[in-house]
Amino acid sequence: MKSDNDKRAKRCASAIRKYNDDWDEKSNLTDFLADARHWCDRNGQCFGDIDRMAYQHYLAELHDERREQP
């Protein structure tokens, strides 16, 4: 059975592959993160704050996954 984190990683991989067909996945992720910073600039958002929140979500999801393992 796939974990929620496996599903999250698969969903992200799908989005990264589709982001730009001209580049590899690592380049697409790099471009996406740079573009997200531009989006934040133009929408009055702080990328650093959002990134810290995302990191806290990631840590919580890792913790949950480890608790669920036998």
Protein backbone atom coordinates (compact mmCIF):
# COMPACT_ATOMS: atom_id res chain seq x y z
CA MET A 1 0.00 0.00 0.00
CA LYS A 2 1.34 3.42 -0.96
CA SER A 3 1.80 5.93 1.81
CA ASP A 4 0.41 9.44 1.62
CA ASN A 5 3.97 10.69 1.18
CA ASP A 6 4.51 8.34 -1.77
CA LYS A 7 1.36 9.81 -3.32
CA ARG A 8 2.58 13.34 -2.63
CA ALA A 9 5.95 12.63 -4.25
CA LYS A 10 4.25 11.07 -7.29
CA ARG A 11 1.91 14.05 -7.65
CA CYS A 12 4.87 16.42 -7.47
CA ALA A 13 6.85 14.40 -10.03
CA SER A 14 3.91 14.59 -12.43
CA ALA A 15 3.66 18.38 -12.05
CA ILE A 16 7.42 18.83 -12.46
CA ARG A 17 7.51 16.76 -15.65
CA LYS A 18 4.68 18.86 -17.12
CA TYR A 19 6.13 22.21 -16.05
CA ASN A 20 8.37 22.53 -19.12
CA ASP A 21 8.85 19.81 -21.72
CA ASP A 22 12.16 21.34 -22.85
CA TRP A 23 14.08 20.51 -19.66
CA ASP A 24 14.79 17.68 -17.26
CA GLU A 25 12.92 17.35 -13.97
CA LYS A 26 15.64 18.95 -11.81
CA SER A 27 15.74 21.99 -14.09
CA ASN A 28 11.95 22.17 -14.05
CA LEU A 29 11.89 22.12 -10.25
CA THR A 30 14.54 24.84 -10.13
CA ASP A 31 12.55 27.00 -12.58
CA PHE A 32 9.31 26.37 -10.69
CA LEU A 33 10.84 27.49 -7.39
CA ALA A 34 12.32 30.59 -9.01
CA ASP A 35 8.96 31.35 -10.66
CA ALA A 36 7.20 30.86 -7.32
CA ARG A 37 9.46 33.56 -5.86
CA HIS A 38 8.45 35.91 -8.69
CA TRP A 39 4.80 35.06 -8.03
CA CYS A 40 5.25 35.91 -4.36
CA ASP A 41 6.88 39.24 -5.23
CA ARG A 42 3.98 40.20 -7.44
CA ASN A 43 1.29 39.03 -5.03
CA GLY A 44 2.61 40.51 -1.78
CA GLN A 45 3.57 37.15 -0.32
CA CYS A 46 6.78 36.23 1.49
CA PHE A 47 8.33 33.16 -0.12
CA GLY A 48 10.50 32.58 2.96
CA ASP A 49 7.46 32.44 5.26
CA ILE A 50 5.63 30.09 2.89
CA ASP A 51 8.73 27.91 2.52
CA ARG A 52 9.13 27.67 6.31
CA MET A 53 5.47 26.66 6.62
CA ALA A 54 5.92 24.07 3.87
CA TYR A 55 8.97 22.68 5.68
CA GLN A 56 6.95 22.31 8.87
CA HIS A 57 4.25 20.44 6.93
CA TYR A 58 6.94 18.19 5.43
CA LEU A 59 8.37 17.39 8.87
CA ALA A 60 4.90 16.61 10.25
CA GLU A 61 4.17 14.34 7.29
CA LEU A 62 7.47 12.49 7.81
CA HIS A 63 6.66 12.10 11.49
CA ASP A 64 3.20 10.72 10.71
CA GLU A 65 4.61 8.29 8.17
CA ARG A 66 7.20 6.96 10.62
CA ARG A 67 4.55 6.48 13.29
CA GLU A 68 2.43 4.44 10.87
CA GLN A 69 5.25 2.04 9.98
CA PRO A 70 5.26 -1.27 11.87
